[in-house]
């Protein structure tokens, strides 16, 4: 995240694990408050660091893309299905998200 207020930490599964999923933690630097997001395969922040895109895989094998508003913690699901996901990317100058399914 390119933002002076928040930091994003990623905790991966142990070495040798068959699943690439990990946990993402967004931490507010001034207050120490944090929010965890589980089952994350990929994460991408927009240029301003105000939005995070998360590629999620559920325990049932479904996949999705969720957008987190970093300041409020609001989560919006923008895609959910069984398709494989790749290439989670924000446009360089706009809050436009793209991925391959």
N, C-alpha and C. Protein backbone atom coordinates (compact mmCIF):
# COMPACT_ATOMS: atom_id res chain seq x y z
N UNK A 1 0.87 -1.18 0.00
CA UNK A 1 0.00 0.00 0.00
C UNK A 1 0.90 1.22 0.00
N UNK A 2 0.59 2.19 -0.82
CA UNK A 2 1.34 3.45 -0.87
C UNK A 2 0.52 4.48 -0.12
N UNK A 3 0.59 4.43 1.20
CA UNK A 3 -0.29 5.22 2.04
C UNK A 3 0.40 5.40 3.38
N UNK A 4 0.40 6.61 3.94
CA UNK A 4 1.09 6.87 5.21
C UNK A 4 0.28 6.43 6.42
N UNK A 5 -0.98 6.05 6.23
CA UNK A 5 -1.84 5.71 7.35
C UNK A 5 -1.96 4.21 7.62
N UNK A 6 -1.74 3.39 6.62
CA UNK A 6 -1.97 1.95 6.74
C UNK A 6 -0.79 1.16 6.20
N UNK A 7 -0.67 -0.05 6.70
CA UNK A 7 0.30 -1.00 6.17
C UNK A 7 -0.43 -2.33 5.99
N UNK A 8 -0.01 -3.08 4.98
CA UNK A 8 -0.60 -4.39 4.72
C UNK A 8 0.46 -5.45 4.97
N UNK A 9 0.11 -6.43 5.79
CA UNK A 9 1.01 -7.55 6.06
C UNK A 9 0.38 -8.81 5.50
N UNK A 10 1.21 -9.70 4.99
CA UNK A 10 0.72 -10.95 4.41
C UNK A 10 1.37 -12.12 5.13
N UNK A 11 0.54 -13.03 5.61
CA UNK A 11 1.04 -14.23 6.27
C UNK A 11 0.71 -15.41 5.36
N UNK A 12 1.75 -16.07 4.86
CA UNK A 12 1.55 -17.18 3.93
C UNK A 12 1.42 -18.49 4.67
N UNK A 13 0.92 -19.48 3.96
CA UNK A 13 0.83 -20.83 4.51
C UNK A 13 2.23 -21.40 4.66
N UNK A 14 2.40 -22.42 5.50
CA UNK A 14 3.72 -23.02 5.70
C UNK A 14 4.31 -23.58 4.41
N UNK A 15 5.63 -23.62 4.35
CA UNK A 15 6.32 -24.19 3.19
C UNK A 15 5.84 -25.62 2.97
N UNK A 16 5.65 -25.97 1.72
CA UNK A 16 5.19 -27.32 1.38
C UNK A 16 3.68 -27.45 1.33
N UNK A 17 2.96 -26.42 1.73
CA UNK A 17 1.50 -26.45 1.69
C UNK A 17 1.05 -26.48 0.24
N UNK A 18 0.01 -27.23 -0.05
CA UNK A 18 -0.52 -27.34 -1.41
C UNK A 18 -1.33 -26.10 -1.80
N UNK A 19 -1.79 -25.35 -0.83
CA UNK A 19 -2.63 -24.18 -1.09
C UNK A 19 -1.82 -22.89 -1.07
N UNK A 20 -1.96 -22.04 -2.09
CA UNK A 20 -1.23 -20.77 -2.11
C UNK A 20 -1.91 -19.68 -1.27
N UNK A 21 -3.05 -20.00 -0.66
CA UNK A 21 -3.80 -18.99 0.08
C UNK A 21 -3.03 -18.49 1.30
N UNK A 22 -3.30 -17.25 1.66
CA UNK A 22 -2.67 -16.66 2.82
C UNK A 22 -3.66 -15.73 3.51
N UNK A 23 -3.20 -15.08 4.55
CA UNK A 23 -4.03 -14.12 5.28
C UNK A 23 -3.41 -12.73 5.11
N UNK A 24 -4.27 -11.75 4.86
CA UNK A 24 -3.84 -10.36 4.72
C UNK A 24 -4.33 -9.60 5.95
N UNK A 25 -3.47 -8.78 6.53
CA UNK A 25 -3.85 -7.94 7.66
C UNK A 25 -3.60 -6.49 7.28
N UNK A 26 -4.63 -5.65 7.41
CA UNK A 26 -4.50 -4.22 7.18
C UNK A 26 -4.42 -3.55 8.55
N UNK A 27 -3.32 -2.83 8.79
CA UNK A 27 -3.07 -2.23 10.09
C UNK A 27 -3.07 -0.70 9.97
N UNK A 28 -3.86 -0.04 10.83
CA UNK A 28 -3.86 1.42 10.90
C UNK A 28 -2.67 1.83 11.76
N UNK A 29 -1.74 2.58 11.20
CA UNK A 29 -0.48 2.87 11.89
C UNK A 29 -0.64 3.75 13.13
N UNK A 30 -1.60 4.66 13.14
CA UNK A 30 -1.76 5.55 14.30
C UNK A 30 -2.48 4.89 15.45
N UNK A 31 -3.47 4.06 15.17
CA UNK A 31 -4.29 3.47 16.24
C UNK A 31 -3.90 2.04 16.57
N UNK A 32 -3.22 1.36 15.64
CA UNK A 32 -2.89 -0.04 15.85
C UNK A 32 -4.04 -0.99 15.55
N UNK A 33 -5.22 -0.45 15.20
CA UNK A 33 -6.35 -1.30 14.85
C UNK A 33 -6.03 -2.07 13.57
N UNK A 34 -6.58 -3.28 13.47
CA UNK A 34 -6.30 -4.08 12.29
C UNK A 34 -7.52 -4.90 11.90
N UNK A 35 -7.52 -5.33 10.63
CA UNK A 35 -8.56 -6.19 10.08
C UNK A 35 -7.86 -7.29 9.29
N UNK A 36 -8.29 -8.54 9.51
CA UNK A 36 -7.74 -9.68 8.79
C UNK A 36 -8.68 -10.11 7.67
N UNK A 37 -8.09 -10.55 6.56
CA UNK A 37 -8.83 -11.11 5.43
C UNK A 37 -8.18 -12.46 5.11
N UNK A 38 -8.98 -13.53 5.14
CA UNK A 38 -8.45 -14.89 4.98
C UNK A 38 -8.67 -15.42 3.57
N UNK A 39 -7.97 -16.51 3.26
CA UNK A 39 -8.11 -17.24 1.99
C UNK A 39 -7.76 -16.38 0.78
N UNK A 40 -6.73 -15.57 0.90
CA UNK A 40 -6.33 -14.64 -0.16
C UNK A 40 -5.25 -15.29 -1.02
N UNK A 41 -5.50 -15.33 -2.33
CA UNK A 41 -4.50 -15.85 -3.28
C UNK A 41 -3.62 -14.74 -3.82
N UNK A 42 -4.19 -13.55 -4.01
CA UNK A 42 -3.44 -12.42 -4.56
C UNK A 42 -4.04 -11.13 -4.01
N UNK A 43 -3.21 -10.10 -3.94
CA UNK A 43 -3.65 -8.80 -3.47
C UNK A 43 -3.00 -7.72 -4.33
N UNK A 44 -3.76 -6.65 -4.60
CA UNK A 44 -3.24 -5.52 -5.36
C UNK A 44 -3.85 -4.25 -4.81
N UNK A 45 -3.02 -3.23 -4.63
CA UNK A 45 -3.50 -1.93 -4.15
C UNK A 45 -3.56 -0.95 -5.31
N UNK A 46 -4.57 -0.05 -5.25
CA UNK A 46 -4.62 1.00 -6.27
C UNK A 46 -3.49 1.99 -6.01
N UNK A 47 -3.25 2.91 -6.94
CA UNK A 47 -2.11 3.83 -6.87
C UNK A 47 -2.13 4.68 -5.61
N UNK A 48 -3.30 5.14 -5.19
CA UNK A 48 -3.41 6.01 -4.01
C UNK A 48 -3.37 5.24 -2.70
N UNK A 49 -3.47 3.91 -2.76
CA UNK A 49 -3.44 3.09 -1.55
C UNK A 49 -4.73 3.14 -0.76
N UNK A 50 -5.82 3.50 -1.41
CA UNK A 50 -7.12 3.59 -0.73
C UNK A 50 -7.99 2.37 -0.95
N UNK A 51 -7.66 1.56 -1.96
CA UNK A 51 -8.44 0.36 -2.28
C UNK A 51 -7.50 -0.84 -2.42
N UNK A 52 -7.94 -1.96 -1.89
CA UNK A 52 -7.23 -3.22 -2.06
C UNK A 52 -8.12 -4.19 -2.82
N UNK A 53 -7.58 -4.84 -3.80
CA UNK A 53 -8.29 -5.91 -4.49
C UNK A 53 -7.74 -7.23 -3.98
N UNK A 54 -8.64 -8.13 -3.61
CA UNK A 54 -8.25 -9.43 -3.08
C UNK A 54 -8.82 -10.53 -3.97
N UNK A 55 -7.97 -11.44 -4.42
CA UNK A 55 -8.44 -12.65 -5.10
C UNK A 55 -8.60 -13.70 -4.02
N UNK A 56 -9.81 -14.21 -3.85
CA UNK A 56 -10.17 -15.10 -2.76
C UNK A 56 -10.48 -16.49 -3.30
N UNK A 57 -10.15 -17.51 -2.51
CA UNK A 57 -10.59 -18.87 -2.82
C UNK A 57 -11.20 -19.45 -1.56
N UNK A 58 -12.47 -19.83 -1.65
CA UNK A 58 -13.17 -20.37 -0.49
C UNK A 58 -12.73 -21.80 -0.20
N UNK A 59 -13.10 -22.30 0.96
CA UNK A 59 -12.78 -23.68 1.32
C UNK A 59 -13.53 -24.68 0.43
N UNK A 60 -14.57 -24.23 -0.26
CA UNK A 60 -15.37 -25.08 -1.15
C UNK A 60 -14.91 -24.99 -2.59
N UNK A 61 -13.80 -24.27 -2.85
CA UNK A 61 -13.25 -24.19 -4.20
C UNK A 61 -13.78 -23.07 -5.05
N UNK A 62 -14.69 -22.26 -4.53
CA UNK A 62 -15.17 -21.10 -5.29
C UNK A 62 -14.14 -19.98 -5.19
N UNK A 63 -14.16 -19.12 -6.21
CA UNK A 63 -13.18 -18.04 -6.28
C UNK A 63 -13.90 -16.71 -6.47
N UNK A 64 -13.26 -15.66 -5.99
CA UNK A 64 -13.88 -14.37 -6.14
C UNK A 64 -12.86 -13.24 -6.08
N UNK A 65 -13.36 -12.06 -6.45
CA UNK A 65 -12.58 -10.83 -6.32
C UNK A 65 -13.37 -9.91 -5.42
N UNK A 66 -12.70 -9.42 -4.38
CA UNK A 66 -13.32 -8.48 -3.46
C UNK A 66 -12.49 -7.21 -3.43
N UNK A 67 -13.16 -6.07 -3.29
CA UNK A 67 -12.49 -4.78 -3.18
C UNK A 67 -12.74 -4.25 -1.77
N UNK A 68 -11.65 -3.90 -1.08
CA UNK A 68 -11.71 -3.39 0.28
C UNK A 68 -11.40 -1.89 0.24
N UNK A 69 -12.30 -1.09 0.82
CA UNK A 69 -12.01 0.33 1.04
C UNK A 69 -11.18 0.38 2.32
N UNK A 70 -9.91 0.71 2.21
CA UNK A 70 -8.98 0.59 3.33
C UNK A 70 -9.42 1.40 4.54
N UNK A 71 -9.83 2.63 4.36
CA UNK A 71 -10.17 3.48 5.49
C UNK A 71 -11.41 3.00 6.25
N UNK A 72 -12.45 2.63 5.54
CA UNK A 72 -13.70 2.22 6.19
C UNK A 72 -13.75 0.72 6.50
N UNK A 73 -12.96 -0.07 5.77
CA UNK A 73 -13.02 -1.52 5.93
C UNK A 73 -14.15 -2.16 5.14
N UNK A 74 -14.91 -1.37 4.41
CA UNK A 74 -16.03 -1.89 3.62
C UNK A 74 -15.50 -2.84 2.54
N UNK A 75 -16.17 -3.98 2.39
CA UNK A 75 -15.78 -4.99 1.41
C UNK A 75 -16.91 -5.16 0.40
N UNK A 76 -16.55 -5.10 -0.88
CA UNK A 76 -17.52 -5.35 -1.95
C UNK A 76 -17.04 -6.54 -2.78
N UNK A 77 -17.92 -7.51 -2.99
CA UNK A 77 -17.61 -8.62 -3.87
C UNK A 77 -17.98 -8.20 -5.28
N UNK A 78 -17.00 -8.24 -6.18
CA UNK A 78 -17.25 -7.81 -7.56
C UNK A 78 -17.29 -8.99 -8.53
N UNK A 79 -16.84 -10.16 -8.07
CA UNK A 79 -16.93 -11.37 -8.90
C UNK A 79 -16.94 -12.58 -7.96
N UNK A 80 -17.73 -13.59 -8.30
CA UNK A 80 -17.73 -14.85 -7.54
C UNK A 80 -18.11 -15.98 -8.48
N UNK A 81 -17.35 -17.05 -8.49
CA UNK A 81 -17.66 -18.19 -9.36
C UNK A 81 -16.65 -19.30 -9.18
N UNK A 82 -16.58 -20.18 -10.16
CA UNK A 82 -15.66 -21.33 -10.08
C UNK A 82 -14.45 -21.16 -11.00
N UNK A 83 -14.42 -20.08 -11.78
CA UNK A 83 -13.32 -19.84 -12.71
C UNK A 83 -12.02 -19.55 -11.99
N UNK A 84 -10.91 -20.02 -12.58
CA UNK A 84 -9.58 -19.64 -12.08
C UNK A 84 -9.40 -18.14 -12.31
N UNK A 85 -8.67 -17.48 -11.43
CA UNK A 85 -8.43 -16.05 -11.55
C UNK A 85 -6.93 -15.79 -11.68
N UNK A 86 -6.59 -14.78 -12.48
CA UNK A 86 -5.18 -14.41 -12.65
C UNK A 86 -5.09 -12.95 -13.03
N UNK A 87 -3.93 -12.36 -12.82
CA UNK A 87 -3.63 -11.03 -13.32
C UNK A 87 -4.38 -9.89 -12.66
N UNK A 88 -4.61 -9.96 -11.36
CA UNK A 88 -5.33 -8.91 -10.63
C UNK A 88 -4.52 -7.62 -10.72
N UNK A 89 -5.04 -6.59 -11.43
CA UNK A 89 -4.27 -5.38 -11.71
C UNK A 89 -5.17 -4.15 -11.73
N UNK A 90 -4.69 -3.07 -11.11
CA UNK A 90 -5.38 -1.77 -11.17
C UNK A 90 -4.83 -0.98 -12.35
N UNK A 91 -5.68 -0.17 -12.99
CA UNK A 91 -5.22 0.74 -14.03
C UNK A 91 -4.29 1.77 -13.38
N UNK A 92 -3.27 2.24 -14.10
CA UNK A 92 -2.28 3.13 -13.49
C UNK A 92 -2.84 4.44 -12.93
N UNK A 93 -3.80 5.04 -13.57
CA UNK A 93 -4.26 6.37 -13.15
C UNK A 93 -5.71 6.42 -12.70
N UNK A 94 -6.40 5.28 -12.68
CA UNK A 94 -7.82 5.27 -12.32
C UNK A 94 -8.09 4.13 -11.37
N UNK A 95 -9.23 4.18 -10.70
CA UNK A 95 -9.64 3.09 -9.82
C UNK A 95 -10.44 2.07 -10.62
N UNK A 96 -9.79 1.54 -11.65
CA UNK A 96 -10.38 0.52 -12.52
C UNK A 96 -9.57 -0.76 -12.35
N UNK A 97 -10.27 -1.85 -12.06
CA UNK A 97 -9.63 -3.12 -11.77
C UNK A 97 -9.85 -4.10 -12.91
N UNK A 98 -8.83 -4.89 -13.21
CA UNK A 98 -8.95 -5.91 -14.26
C UNK A 98 -8.37 -7.22 -13.75
N UNK A 99 -8.88 -8.35 -14.27
CA UNK A 99 -8.34 -9.67 -13.98
C UNK A 99 -8.79 -10.61 -15.07
N UNK A 100 -8.16 -11.75 -15.15
CA UNK A 100 -8.54 -12.79 -16.10
C UNK A 100 -9.27 -13.89 -15.36
N UNK A 101 -10.35 -14.38 -15.94
CA UNK A 101 -11.11 -15.49 -15.36
C UNK A 101 -11.24 -16.58 -16.40
